[in-house]
Amino acid sequence: MMSDLAHVVVERSGYLCIARISGEIDISNAQEVSESIGKAVPNGIPALVVDLTHTTYLDSAGVKLLFQLAERFRARRRKLRLVVPHESPIRAVLELTDLTSMVPLEDHLNDGP
């Protein structure tokens, strides 16, 4: 998926899907990013990693997108992981929200459930 601000690439590795989002997620494209992830991730996948390593900006619409994704996966008893390096400009934004109580932030992408 390509928009003016964000680029989403989803790849599958066995039972795991990895959605890599680069660029900016804001009110102008959050819905489009959400739909791209929804279309690319199979319904039966037990685990999704959202790699935000190359996400440079995230506003409240982007945070809301992640909350909705976390709730959807929790309701279906599936695992969601977020990769946000410590030096990332969006890490502080996510740490200030309650999202970290639902989905822990990982510093780097590693294999496994």
PDB file of N, CA and C in Angstrom:
ATOM      1  N   MET A   1       0.853  -1.181   0.000  1.00  0.00           N
ATOM      2  CA  MET A   1       0.000   0.000   0.000  1.00  0.00           C
ATOM      3  C   MET A   1       0.885   1.226   0.000  1.00  0.00           C
ATOM      4  N   MET A   2       0.472   2.218  -0.778  1.00  0.00           N
ATOM      5  CA  MET A   2       1.238   3.452  -0.835  1.00  0.00           C
ATOM      6  C   MET A   2       0.281   4.626  -0.714  1.00  0.00           C
ATOM      7  N   SER A   3       0.575   5.528   0.198  1.00  0.00           N
ATOM      8  CA  SER A   3      -0.168   6.779   0.252  1.00  0.00           C
ATOM      9  C   SER A   3       0.870   7.890   0.185  1.00  0.00           C
ATOM     10  N   ASP A   4       0.419   9.114   0.303  1.00  0.00           N
ATOM     11  CA  ASP A   4       1.371  10.215   0.273  1.00  0.00           C
ATOM     12  C   ASP A   4       2.310  10.167   1.475  1.00  0.00           C
ATOM     13  N   LEU A   5       1.836   9.630   2.566  1.00  0.00           N
ATOM     14  CA  LEU A   5       2.603   9.694   3.805  1.00  0.00           C
ATOM     15  C   LEU A   5       3.174   8.366   4.265  1.00  0.00           C
ATOM     16  N   ALA A   6       2.408   7.304   4.127  1.00  0.00           N
ATOM     17  CA  ALA A   6       2.826   6.021   4.703  1.00  0.00           C
ATOM     18  C   ALA A   6       2.896   4.935   3.636  1.00  0.00           C
ATOM     19  N   HIS A   7       3.747   3.980   3.908  1.00  0.00           N
ATOM     20  CA  HIS A   7       3.904   2.821   3.032  1.00  0.00           C
ATOM     21  C   HIS A   7       3.793   1.576   3.921  1.00  0.00           C
ATOM     22  N   VAL A   8       2.906   0.660   3.558  1.00  0.00           N
ATOM     23  CA  VAL A   8       2.686  -0.552   4.346  1.00  0.00           C
ATOM     24  C   VAL A   8       3.080  -1.760   3.495  1.00  0.00           C
ATOM     25  N   VAL A   9       3.936  -2.607   4.058  1.00  0.00           N
ATOM     26  CA  VAL A   9       4.325  -3.854   3.409  1.00  0.00           C
ATOM     27  C   VAL A   9       4.025  -4.975   4.396  1.00  0.00           C
ATOM     28  N   VAL A  10       3.250  -5.958   3.966  1.00  0.00           N
ATOM     29  CA  VAL A  10       2.913  -7.093   4.836  1.00  0.00           C
ATOM     30  C   VAL A  10       3.536  -8.345   4.246  1.00  0.00           C
ATOM     31  N   GLU A  11       4.250  -9.078   5.087  1.00  0.00           N
ATOM     32  CA  GLU A  11       4.833 -10.347   4.656  1.00  0.00           C
ATOM     33  C   GLU A  11       4.445 -11.423   5.648  1.00  0.00           C
ATOM     34  N   ARG A  12       4.388 -12.640   5.157  1.00  0.00           N
ATOM     35  CA  ARG A  12       4.002 -13.761   6.005  1.00  0.00           C
ATOM     36  C   ARG A  12       5.187 -14.698   6.172  1.00  0.00           C
ATOM     37  N   SER A  13       5.384 -15.115   7.410  1.00  0.00           N
ATOM     38  CA  SER A  13       6.462 -16.043   7.733  1.00  0.00           C
ATOM     39  C   SER A  13       5.860 -17.143   8.594  1.00  0.00           C
ATOM     40  N   GLY A  14       5.398 -18.219   7.951  1.00  0.00           N
ATOM     41  CA  GLY A  14       4.735 -19.295   8.696  1.00  0.00           C
ATOM     42  C   GLY A  14       3.427 -18.813   9.285  1.00  0.00           C
ATOM     43  N   TYR A  15       3.278 -18.945  10.608  1.00  0.00           N
ATOM     44  CA  TYR A  15       2.048 -18.538  11.300  1.00  0.00           C
ATOM     45  C   TYR A  15       2.047 -17.049  11.631  1.00  0.00           C
ATOM     46  N   LEU A  16       3.122 -16.352  11.320  1.00  0.00           N
ATOM     47  CA  LEU A  16       3.313 -14.965  11.722  1.00  0.00           C
ATOM     48  C   LEU A  16       3.195 -14.034  10.517  1.00  0.00           C
ATOM     49  N   CYS A  17       2.514 -12.913  10.705  1.00  0.00           N
ATOM     50  CA  CYS A  17       2.467 -11.859   9.703  1.00  0.00           C
ATOM     51  C   CYS A  17       3.224 -10.662  10.258  1.00  0.00           C
ATOM     52  N   ILE A  18       3.970 -10.005   9.391  1.00  0.00           N
ATOM     53  CA  ILE A  18       4.699  -8.805   9.796  1.00  0.00           C
ATOM     54  C   ILE A  18       4.232  -7.670   8.900  1.00  0.00           C
ATOM     55  N   ALA A  19       3.706  -6.625   9.521  1.00  0.00           N
ATOM     56  CA  ALA A  19       3.290  -5.426   8.793  1.00  0.00           C
ATOM     57  C   ALA A  19       4.305  -4.334   9.096  1.00  0.00           C
ATOM     58  N   ARG A  20       5.048  -3.944   8.078  1.00  0.00           N
ATOM     59  CA  ARG A  20       6.056  -2.894   8.239  1.00  0.00           C
ATOM     60  C   ARG A  20       5.462  -1.579   7.718  1.00  0.00           C
ATOM     61  N   ILE A  21       5.447  -0.588   8.589  1.00  0.00           N
ATOM     62  CA  ILE A  21       4.881   0.706   8.215  1.00  0.00           C
ATOM     63  C   ILE A  21       5.992   1.745   8.253  1.00  0.00           C
ATOM     64  N   SER A  22       6.223   2.376   7.119  1.00  0.00           N
ATOM     65  CA  SER A  22       7.222   3.435   7.083  1.00  0.00           C
ATOM     66  C   SER A  22       6.544   4.748   6.726  1.00  0.00           C
ATOM     67  N   GLY A  23       7.110   5.842   7.224  1.00  0.00           N
ATOM     68  CA  GLY A  23       6.551   7.156   6.946  1.00  0.00           C
ATOM     69  C   GLY A  23       5.713   7.667   8.096  1.00  0.00           C
ATOM     70  N   GLU A  24       4.687   8.435   7.756  1.00  0.00           N
ATOM     71  CA  GLU A  24       3.853   9.104   8.746  1.00  0.00           C
ATOM     72  C   GLU A  24       2.432   8.542   8.740  1.00  0.00           C
ATOM     73  N   ILE A  25       1.878   8.389   9.957  1.00  0.00           N
ATOM     74  CA  ILE A  25       0.475   7.987  10.089  1.00  0.00           C
ATOM     75  C   ILE A  25      -0.235   9.126  10.807  1.00  0.00           C
ATOM     76  N   ASP A  26      -1.195   9.730  10.109  1.00  0.00           N
ATOM     77  CA  ASP A  26      -1.960  10.806  10.732  1.00  0.00           C
ATOM     78  C   ASP A  26      -3.419  10.710  10.291  1.00  0.00           C
ATOM     79  N   ILE A  27      -4.185  11.702  10.648  1.00  0.00           N
ATOM     80  CA  ILE A  27      -5.627  11.655  10.375  1.00  0.00           C
ATOM     81  C   ILE A  27      -5.928  11.534   8.879  1.00  0.00           C
ATOM     82  N   SER A  28      -5.014  11.997   8.034  1.00  0.00           N
ATOM     83  CA  SER A  28      -5.275  11.959   6.591  1.00  0.00           C
ATOM     84  C   SER A  28      -5.133  10.557   5.996  1.00  0.00           C
ATOM     85  N   ASN A  29      -4.416   9.647   6.683  1.00  0.00           N
ATOM     86  CA  ASN A  29      -4.204   8.328   6.082  1.00  0.00           C
ATOM     87  C   ASN A  29      -4.381   7.154   7.046  1.00  0.00           C
ATOM     88  N   ALA A  30      -4.744   7.406   8.293  1.00  0.00           N
ATOM     89  CA  ALA A  30      -4.864   6.316   9.275  1.00  0.00           C
ATOM     90  C   ALA A  30      -5.873   5.264   8.837  1.00  0.00           C
ATOM     91  N   GLN A  31      -7.001   5.687   8.287  1.00  0.00           N
ATOM     92  CA  GLN A  31      -8.019   4.734   7.835  1.00  0.00           C
ATOM     93  C   GLN A  31      -7.481   3.883   6.687  1.00  0.00           C
ATOM     94  N   GLU A  32      -6.773   4.506   5.777  1.00  0.00           N
ATOM     95  CA  GLU A  32      -6.190   3.799   4.636  1.00  0.00           C
ATOM     96  C   GLU A  32      -5.141   2.775   5.114  1.00  0.00           C
ATOM     97  N   VAL A  33      -4.321   3.166   6.090  1.00  0.00           N
ATOM     98  CA  VAL A  33      -3.317   2.246   6.649  1.00  0.00           C
ATOM     99  C   VAL A  33      -4.017   1.068   7.317  1.00  0.00           C
ATOM    100  N   SER A  34      -5.051   1.350   8.094  1.00  0.00           N
ATOM    101  CA  SER A  34      -5.809   0.295   8.771  1.00  0.00           C
ATOM    102  C   SER A  34      -6.419  -0.681   7.768  1.00  0.00           C
ATOM    103  N   GLU A  35      -7.014  -0.151   6.710  1.00  0.00           N
ATOM    104  CA  GLU A  35      -7.625  -1.006   5.693  1.00  0.00           C
ATOM    105  C   GLU A  35      -6.572  -1.849   4.978  1.00  0.00           C
ATOM    106  N   SER A  36      -5.420  -1.276   4.722  1.00  0.00           N
ATOM    107  CA  SER A  36      -4.350  -2.023   4.060  1.00  0.00           C
ATOM    108  C   SER A  36      -3.894  -3.200   4.910  1.00  0.00           C
ATOM    109  N   ILE A  37      -3.747  -2.964   6.208  1.00  0.00           N
ATOM    110  CA  ILE A  37      -3.360  -4.052   7.112  1.00  0.00           C
ATOM    111  C   ILE A  37      -4.462  -5.101   7.145  1.00  0.00           C
ATOM    112  N   GLY A  38      -5.715  -4.652   7.271  1.00  0.00           N
ATOM    113  CA  GLY A  38      -6.844  -5.574   7.329  1.00  0.00           C
ATOM    114  C   GLY A  38      -6.962  -6.459   6.101  1.00  0.00           C
ATOM    115  N   LYS A  39      -6.724  -5.896   4.931  1.00  0.00           N
ATOM    116  CA  LYS A  39      -6.820  -6.661   3.688  1.00  0.00           C
ATOM    117  C   LYS A  39      -5.661  -7.633   3.520  1.00  0.00           C
ATOM    118  N   ALA A  40      -4.489  -7.257   4.003  1.00  0.00           N
ATOM    119  CA  ALA A  40      -3.288  -8.059   3.769  1.00  0.00           C
ATOM    120  C   ALA A  40      -3.072  -9.164   4.803  1.00  0.00           C
ATOM    121  N   VAL A  41      -3.676  -9.015   5.979  1.00  0.00           N
ATOM    122  CA  VAL A  41      -3.463  -9.997   7.043  1.00  0.00           C
ATOM    123  C   VAL A  41      -4.601 -11.016   7.011  1.00  0.00           C
ATOM    124  N   PRO A  42      -4.287 -12.297   6.809  1.00  0.00           N
ATOM    125  CA  PRO A  42      -5.329 -13.327   6.767  1.00  0.00           C
ATOM    126  C   PRO A  42      -6.087 -13.423   8.096  1.00  0.00           C
ATOM    127  N   ASN A  43      -7.370 -13.737   8.024  1.00  0.00           N
ATOM    128  CA  ASN A  43      -8.196 -13.831   9.237  1.00  0.00           C
ATOM    129  C   ASN A  43      -7.686 -14.855  10.229  1.00  0.00           C
ATOM    130  N   GLY A  44      -7.172 -15.971   9.747  1.00  0.00           N
ATOM    131  CA  GLY A  44      -6.773 -17.044  10.647  1.00  0.00           C
ATOM    132  C   GLY A  44      -5.379 -16.914  11.227  1.00  0.00           C
ATOM    133  N   ILE A  45      -4.682 -15.836  10.926  1.00  0.00           N
ATOM    134  CA  ILE A  45      -3.299 -15.709  11.393  1.00  0.00           C
ATOM    135  C   ILE A  45      -3.281 -15.551  12.923  1.00  0.00           C
ATOM    136  N   PRO A  46      -2.483 -16.365  13.626  1.00  0.00           N
ATOM    137  CA  PRO A  46      -2.487 -16.300  15.088  1.00  0.00           C
ATOM    138  C   PRO A  46      -1.667 -15.151  15.671  1.00  0.00           C
ATOM    139  N   ALA A  47      -0.749 -14.578  14.883  1.00  0.00           N
ATOM    140  CA  ALA A  47       0.092 -13.513  15.426  1.00  0.00           C
ATOM    141  C   ALA A  47       0.439 -12.497  14.346  1.00  0.00           C
ATOM    142  N   LEU A  48       0.424 -11.220  14.763  1.00  0.00           N
ATOM    143  CA  LEU A  48       0.789 -10.124  13.880  1.00  0.00           C
ATOM    144  C   LEU A  48       1.817  -9.256  14.583  1.00  0.00           C
ATOM    145  N   VAL A  49       2.871  -8.937  13.865  1.00  0.00           N
ATOM    146  CA  VAL A  49       3.855  -7.981  14.349  1.00  0.00           C
ATOM    147  C   VAL A  49       3.701  -6.723  13.505  1.00  0.00           C
ATOM    148  N   VAL A  50       3.493  -5.594  14.166  1.00  0.00           N
ATOM    149  CA  VAL A  50       3.462  -4.316  13.461  1.00  0.00           C
ATOM    150  C   VAL A  50       4.807  -3.653  13.734  1.00  0.00           C
ATOM    151  N   ASP A  51       5.608  -3.577  12.689  1.00  0.00           N
ATOM    152  CA  ASP A  51       6.953  -3.020  12.804  1.00  0.00           C
ATOM    153  C   ASP A  51       6.897  -1.529  12.472  1.00  0.00           C
ATOM    154  N   LEU A  52       7.074  -0.713  13.510  1.00  0.00           N
ATOM    155  CA  LEU A  52       7.014   0.739  13.368  1.00  0.00           C
ATOM    156  C   LEU A  52       8.409   1.360  13.394  1.00  0.00           C
ATOM    157  N   THR A  53       9.415   0.548  13.107  1.00  0.00           N
ATOM    158  CA  THR A  53      10.801   1.018  13.139  1.00  0.00           C
ATOM    159  C   THR A  53      11.001   2.232  12.237  1.00  0.00           C
ATOM    160  N   HIS A  54      10.352   2.240  11.085  1.00  0.00           N
ATOM    161  CA  HIS A  54      10.546   3.324  10.121  1.00  0.00           C
ATOM    162  C   HIS A  54       9.346   4.261  10.045  1.00  0.00           C
ATOM    163  N   THR A  55       8.522   4.246  11.098  1.00  0.00           N
ATOM    164  CA  THR A  55       7.409   5.192  11.186  1.00  0.00           C
ATOM    165  C   THR A  55       7.945   6.450  11.856  1.00  0.00           C
ATOM    166  N   THR A  56       7.838   7.568  11.171  1.00  0.00           N
ATOM    167  CA  THR A  56       8.466   8.795  11.647  1.00  0.00           C
ATOM    168  C   THR A  56       7.520   9.728  12.389  1.00  0.00           C
ATOM    169  N   TYR A  57       6.216   9.506  12.239  1.00  0.00           N
ATOM    170  CA  TYR A  57       5.241  10.394  12.883  1.00  0.00           C
ATOM    171  C   TYR A  57       3.958   9.615  13.122  1.00  0.00           C
ATOM    172  N   LEU A  58       3.329   9.899  14.267  1.00  0.00           N
ATOM    173  CA  LEU A  58       2.088   9.224  14.636  1.00  0.00           C
ATOM    174  C   LEU A  58       1.244  10.213  15.418  1.00  0.00           C
ATOM    175  N   ASP A  59       0.074  10.571  14.893  1.00  0.00           N
ATOM    176  CA  ASP A  59      -0.793  11.464  15.655  1.00  0.00           C
ATOM    177  C   ASP A  59      -1.884  10.642  16.345  1.00  0.00           C
ATOM    178  N   SER A  60      -2.870  11.309  16.914  1.00  0.00           N
ATOM    179  CA  SER A  60      -3.901  10.599  17.688  1.00  0.00           C
ATOM    180  C   SER A  60      -4.681   9.610  16.821  1.00  0.00           C
ATOM    181  N   ALA A  61      -4.853   9.896  15.544  1.00  0.00           N
ATOM    182  CA  ALA A  61      -5.547   8.950  14.654  1.00  0.00           C
ATOM    183  C   ALA A  61      -4.716   7.681  14.488  1.00  0.00           C
ATOM    184  N   GLY A  62      -3.403   7.807  14.420  1.00  0.00           N
ATOM    185  CA  GLY A  62      -2.520   6.647  14.342  1.00  0.00           C
ATOM    186  C   GLY A  62      -2.542   5.832  15.611  1.00  0.00           C
ATOM    187  N   VAL A  63      -2.561   6.519  16.758  1.00  0.00           N
ATOM    188  CA  VAL A  63      -2.649   5.826  18.047  1.00  0.00           C
ATOM    189  C   VAL A  63      -3.975   5.073  18.132  1.00  0.00           C
ATOM    190  N   LYS A  64      -5.055   5.717  17.701  1.00  0.00           N
ATOM    191  CA  LYS A  64      -6.377   5.077  17.706  1.00  0.00           C
ATOM    192  C   LYS A  64      -6.373   3.821  16.839  1.00  0.00           C
ATOM    193  N   LEU A  65      -5.738   3.890  15.675  1.00  0.00           N
ATOM    194  CA  LEU A  65      -5.620   2.730  14.782  1.00  0.00           C
ATOM    195  C   LEU A  65      -4.968   1.567  15.529  1.00  0.00           C
ATOM    196  N   LEU A  66      -3.893   1.831  16.262  1.00  0.00           N
ATOM    197  CA  LEU A  66      -3.195   0.770  17.002  1.00  0.00           C
ATOM    198  C   LEU A  66      -4.048   0.220  18.137  1.00  0.00           C
ATOM    199  N   PHE A  67      -4.799   1.093  18.833  1.00  0.00           N
ATOM    200  CA  PHE A  67      -5.714   0.623  19.876  1.00  0.00           C
ATOM    201  C   PHE A  67      -6.781  -0.300  19.277  1.00  0.00           C
ATOM    202  N   GLN A  68      -7.339   0.090  18.142  1.00  0.00           N
ATOM    203  CA  GLN A  68      -8.381  -0.723  17.508  1.00  0.00           C
ATOM    204  C   GLN A  68      -7.824  -2.073  17.064  1.00  0.00           C
ATOM    205  N   LEU A  69      -6.628  -2.067  16.528  1.00  0.00           N
ATOM    206  CA  LEU A  69      -5.975  -3.305  16.110  1.00  0.00           C
ATOM    207  C   LEU A  69      -5.722  -4.206  17.323  1.00  0.00           C
ATOM    208  N   ALA A  70      -5.244  -3.619  18.403  1.00  0.00           N
ATOM    209  CA  ALA A  70      -4.978  -4.384  19.627  1.00  0.00           C
ATOM    210  C   ALA A  70      -6.268  -5.000  20.174  1.00  0.00           C
ATOM    211  N   GLU A  71      -7.333  -4.230  20.171  1.00  0.00           N
ATOM    212  CA  GLU A  71      -8.615  -4.728  20.675  1.00  0.00           C
ATOM    213  C   GLU A  71      -9.144  -5.850  19.790  1.00  0.00           C
ATOM    214  N   ARG A  72      -9.023  -5.686  18.485  1.00  0.00           N
ATOM    215  CA  ARG A  72      -9.486  -6.714  17.549  1.00  0.00           C
ATOM    216  C   ARG A  72      -8.729  -8.027  17.762  1.00  0.00           C
ATOM    217  N   PHE A  73      -7.421  -7.943  17.933  1.00  0.00           N
ATOM    218  CA  PHE A  73      -6.633  -9.154  18.145  1.00  0.00           C
ATOM    219  C   PHE A  73      -6.916  -9.773  19.511  1.00  0.00           C
ATOM    220  N   ARG A  74      -7.085  -8.937  20.545  1.00  0.00           N
ATOM    221  CA  ARG A  74      -7.388  -9.460  21.878  1.00  0.00           C
ATOM    222  C   ARG A  74      -8.733 -10.188  21.871  1.00  0.00           C
ATOM    223  N   ALA A  75      -9.719  -9.598  21.213  1.00  0.00           N
ATOM    224  CA  ALA A  75     -11.055 -10.199  21.158  1.00  0.00           C
ATOM    225  C   ALA A  75     -11.030 -11.549  20.455  1.00  0.00           C
ATOM    226  N   ARG A  76     -10.129 -11.706  19.510  1.00  0.00           N
ATOM    227  CA  ARG A  76     -10.020 -12.974  18.768  1.00  0.00           C
ATOM    228  C   ARG A  76      -8.971 -13.908  19.363  1.00  0.00           C
ATOM    229  N   ARG A  77      -8.445 -13.537  20.518  1.00  0.00           N
ATOM    230  CA  ARG A  77      -7.421 -14.327  21.223  1.00  0.00           C
ATOM    231  C   ARG A  77      -6.195 -14.577  20.340  1.00  0.00           C
ATOM    232  N   ARG A  78      -5.808 -13.538  19.650  1.00  0.00           N
ATOM    233  CA  ARG A  78      -4.609 -13.611  18.812  1.00  0.00           C
ATOM    234  C   ARG A  78      -3.573 -12.652  19.366  1.00  0.00           C
ATOM    235  N   LYS A  79      -2.337 -12.906  19.001  1.00  0.00           N
ATOM    236  CA  LYS A  79      -1.242 -12.132  19.563  1.00  0.00           C
ATOM    237  C   LYS A  79      -0.840 -10.980  18.636  1.00  0.00           C
ATOM    238  N   LEU A  80      -0.659  -9.809  19.234  1.00  0.00           N
ATOM    239  CA  LEU A  80      -0.197  -8.633  18.514  1.00  0.00           C
ATOM    240  C   LEU A  80       1.055  -8.121  19.202  1.00  0.00           C
ATOM    241  N   ARG A  81       2.065  -7.809  18.403  1.00  0.00           N
ATOM    242  CA  ARG A  81       3.302  -7.235  18.933  1.00  0.00           C
ATOM    243  C   ARG A  81       3.618  -5.962  18.169  1.00  0.00           C
ATOM    244  N   LEU A  82       4.160  -4.975  18.859  1.00  0.00           N
ATOM    245  CA  LEU A  82       4.583  -3.734  18.229  1.00  0.00           C
ATOM    246  C   LEU A  82       6.091  -3.590  18.384  1.00  0.00           C
ATOM    247  N   VAL A  83       6.757  -3.290  17.303  1.00  0.00           N
ATOM    248  CA  VAL A  83       8.198  -3.052  17.334  1.00  0.00           C
ATOM    249  C   VAL A  83       8.422  -1.553  17.163  1.00  0.00           C
ATOM    250  N   VAL A  84       8.973  -0.941  18.222  1.00  0.00           N
ATOM    251  CA  VAL A  84       9.246   0.490  18.228  1.00  0.00           C
ATOM    252  C   VAL A  84      10.585   0.696  18.938  1.00  0.00           C
ATOM    253  N   PRO A  85      11.652   0.945  18.196  1.00  0.00           N
ATOM    254  CA  PRO A  85      12.959   1.126  18.830  1.00  0.00           C
ATOM    255  C   PRO A  85      12.953   2.270  19.854  1.00  0.00           C
ATOM    256  N   HIS A  86      13.811   2.165  20.861  1.00  0.00           N
ATOM    257  CA  HIS A  86      13.889   3.202  21.902  1.00  0.00           C
ATOM    258  C   HIS A  86      14.152   4.580  21.320  1.00  0.00           C
ATOM    259  N   GLU A  87      14.952   4.656  20.261  1.00  0.00           N
ATOM    260  CA  GLU A  87      15.314   5.954  19.684  1.00  0.00           C
ATOM    261  C   GLU A  87      14.263   6.495  18.712  1.00  0.00           C
ATOM    262  N   SER A  88      13.188   5.737  18.490  1.00  0.00           N
ATOM    263  CA  SER A  88      12.150   6.149  17.559  1.00  0.00           C
ATOM    264  C   SER A  88      11.436   7.410  18.043  1.00  0.00           C
ATOM    265  N   PRO A  89      11.141   8.331  17.110  1.00  0.00           N
ATOM    266  CA  PRO A  89      10.428   9.548  17.498  1.00  0.00           C
ATOM    267  C   PRO A  89       8.995   9.288  17.981  1.00  0.00           C
ATOM    268  N   ILE A  90       8.431   8.133  17.671  1.00  0.00           N
ATOM    269  CA  ILE A  90       7.048   7.860  18.088  1.00  0.00           C
ATOM    270  C   ILE A  90       6.965   7.066  19.383  1.00  0.00           C
ATOM    271  N   ARG A  91       8.082   6.581  19.900  1.00  0.00           N
ATOM    272  CA  ARG A  91       8.043   5.739  21.100  1.00  0.00           C
ATOM    273  C   ARG A  91       7.461   6.491  22.299  1.00  0.00           C
ATOM    274  N   ALA A  92       7.886   7.727  22.517  1.00  0.00           N
ATOM    275  CA  ALA A  92       7.390   8.505  23.655  1.00  0.00           C
ATOM    276  C   ALA A  92       5.879   8.696  23.569  1.00  0.00           C
ATOM    277  N   VAL A  93       5.374   8.927  22.354  1.00  0.00           N
ATOM    278  CA  VAL A  93       3.923   9.087  22.165  1.00  0.00           C
ATOM    279  C   VAL A  93       3.199   7.825  22.629  1.00  0.00           C
ATOM    280  N   LEU A  94       3.697   6.667  22.228  1.00  0.00           N
ATOM    281  CA  LEU A  94       3.045   5.404  22.581  1.00  0.00           C
ATOM    282  C   LEU A  94       3.195   5.090  24.070  1.00  0.00           C
ATOM    283  N   GLU A  95       4.326   5.462  24.651  1.00  0.00           N
ATOM    284  CA  GLU A  95       4.521   5.208  26.082  1.00  0.00           C
ATOM    285  C   GLU A  95       3.603   6.080  26.931  1.00  0.00           C
ATOM    286  N   LEU A  96       3.177   7.223  26.423  1.00  0.00           N
ATOM    287  CA  LEU A  96       2.273   8.107  27.164  1.00  0.00           C
ATOM    288  C   LEU A  96       0.825   7.632  27.115  1.00  0.00           C
ATOM    289  N   THR A  97       0.522   6.731  26.207  1.00  0.00           N
ATOM    290  CA  THR A  97      -0.842   6.217  26.102  1.00  0.00           C
ATOM    291  C   THR A  97      -0.961   4.951  26.946  1.00  0.00           C
ATOM    292  N   ASP A  98      -2.158   4.445  27.059  1.00  0.00           N
ATOM    293  CA  ASP A  98      -2.395   3.199  27.793  1.00  0.00           C
ATOM    294  C   ASP A  98      -2.208   1.982  26.886  1.00  0.00           C
ATOM    295  N   LEU A  99      -1.798   2.217  25.644  1.00  0.00           N
ATOM    296  CA  LEU A  99      -1.626   1.119  24.694  1.00  0.00           C
ATOM    297  C   LEU A  99      -0.631   0.082  25.200  1.00  0.00           C
ATOM    298  N   THR A 100       0.384   0.549  25.908  1.00  0.00           N
ATOM    299  CA  THR A 100       1.423  -0.380  26.378  1.00  0.00           C
ATOM    300  C   THR A 100       0.885  -1.387  27.403  1.00  0.00           C
ATOM    301  N   SER A 101      -0.270  -1.119  27.997  1.00  0.00           N
ATOM    302  CA  SER A 101      -0.861  -2.111  28.905  1.00  0.00           C
ATOM    303  C   SER A 101      -1.527  -3.237  28.111  1.00  0.00           C
ATOM    304  N   MET A 102      -1.871  -2.961  26.850  1.00  0.00           N
ATOM    305  CA  MET A 102      -2.506  -3.957  25.995  1.00  0.00           C
ATOM    306  C   MET A 102      -1.493  -4.689  25.121  1.00  0.00           C
ATOM    307  N   VAL A 103      -0.504  -3.947  24.644  1.00  0.00           N
ATOM    308  CA  VAL A 103       0.495  -4.490  23.730  1.00  0.00           C
ATOM    309  C   VAL A 103       1.858  -3.961  24.156  1.00  0.00           C
ATOM    310  N   PRO A 104       2.753  -4.841  24.573  1.00  0.00           N
ATOM    311  CA  PRO A 104       4.081  -4.355  24.940  1.00  0.00           C
ATOM    312  C   PRO A 104       4.853  -3.861  23.718  1.00  0.00           C
ATOM    313  N   LEU A 105       5.698  -2.879  23.945  1.00  0.00           N
ATOM    314  CA  LEU A 105       6.543  -2.364  22.872  1.00  0.00           C
ATOM    315  C   LEU A 105       7.864  -3.116  22.896  1.00  0.00           C
ATOM    316  N   GLU A 106       8.253  -3.648  21.757  1.00  0.00           N
ATOM    317  CA  GLU A 106       9.529  -4.334  21.636  1.00  0.00           C
ATOM    318  C   GLU A 106      10.505  -3.414  20.933  1.00  0.00           C
ATOM    319  N   ASP A 107      11.761  -3.504  21.318  1.00  0.00           N
ATOM    320  CA  ASP A 107      12.788  -2.616  20.791  1.00  0.00           C
ATOM    321  C   ASP A 107      13.229  -2.986  19.375  1.00  0.00           C
ATOM    322  N   HIS A 108      13.170  -4.270  19.041  1.00  0.00           N
ATOM    323  CA  HIS A 108      13.584  -4.719  17.720  1.00  0.00           C
ATOM    324  C   HIS A 108      12.795  -5.966  17.323  1.00  0.00           C
ATOM    325  N   LEU A 109      12.793  -6.233  16.060  1.00  0.00           N
ATOM    326  CA  LEU A 109      12.064  -7.376  15.530  1.00  0.00           C
ATOM    327  C   LEU A 109      12.859  -8.649  15.804  1.00  0.00           C
ATOM    328  N   ASN A 110      12.218  -9.592  16.450  1.00  0.00           N
ATOM    329  CA  ASN A 110      12.855 -10.906  16.620  1.00  0.00           C
ATOM    330  C   ASN A 110      11.864 -11.971  16.223  1.00  0.00           C
ATOM    331  N   ASP A 111      12.362 -13.111  15.874  1.00  0.00           N
ATOM    332  CA  ASP A 111      11.483 -14.194  15.427  1.00  0.00           C
ATOM    333  C   ASP A 111      10.877 -14.894  16.624  1.00  0.00           C
ATOM    334  N   GLY A 112       9.762 -15.524  16.375  1.00  0.00           N
ATOM    335  CA  GLY A 112       9.094 -16.279  17.442  1.00  0.00           C
ATOM    336  C   GLY A 112       7.755 -15.678  17.762  1.00  0.00           C
ATOM    337  N   PRO A 113       6.954 -16.379  18.579  1.00  0.00           N
ATOM    338  CA  PRO A 113       5.587 -15.954  18.874  1.00  0.00           C
ATOM    339  C   PRO A 113       5.477 -14.720  19.735  1.00  0.00           C
TER     340      PRO A 113
END
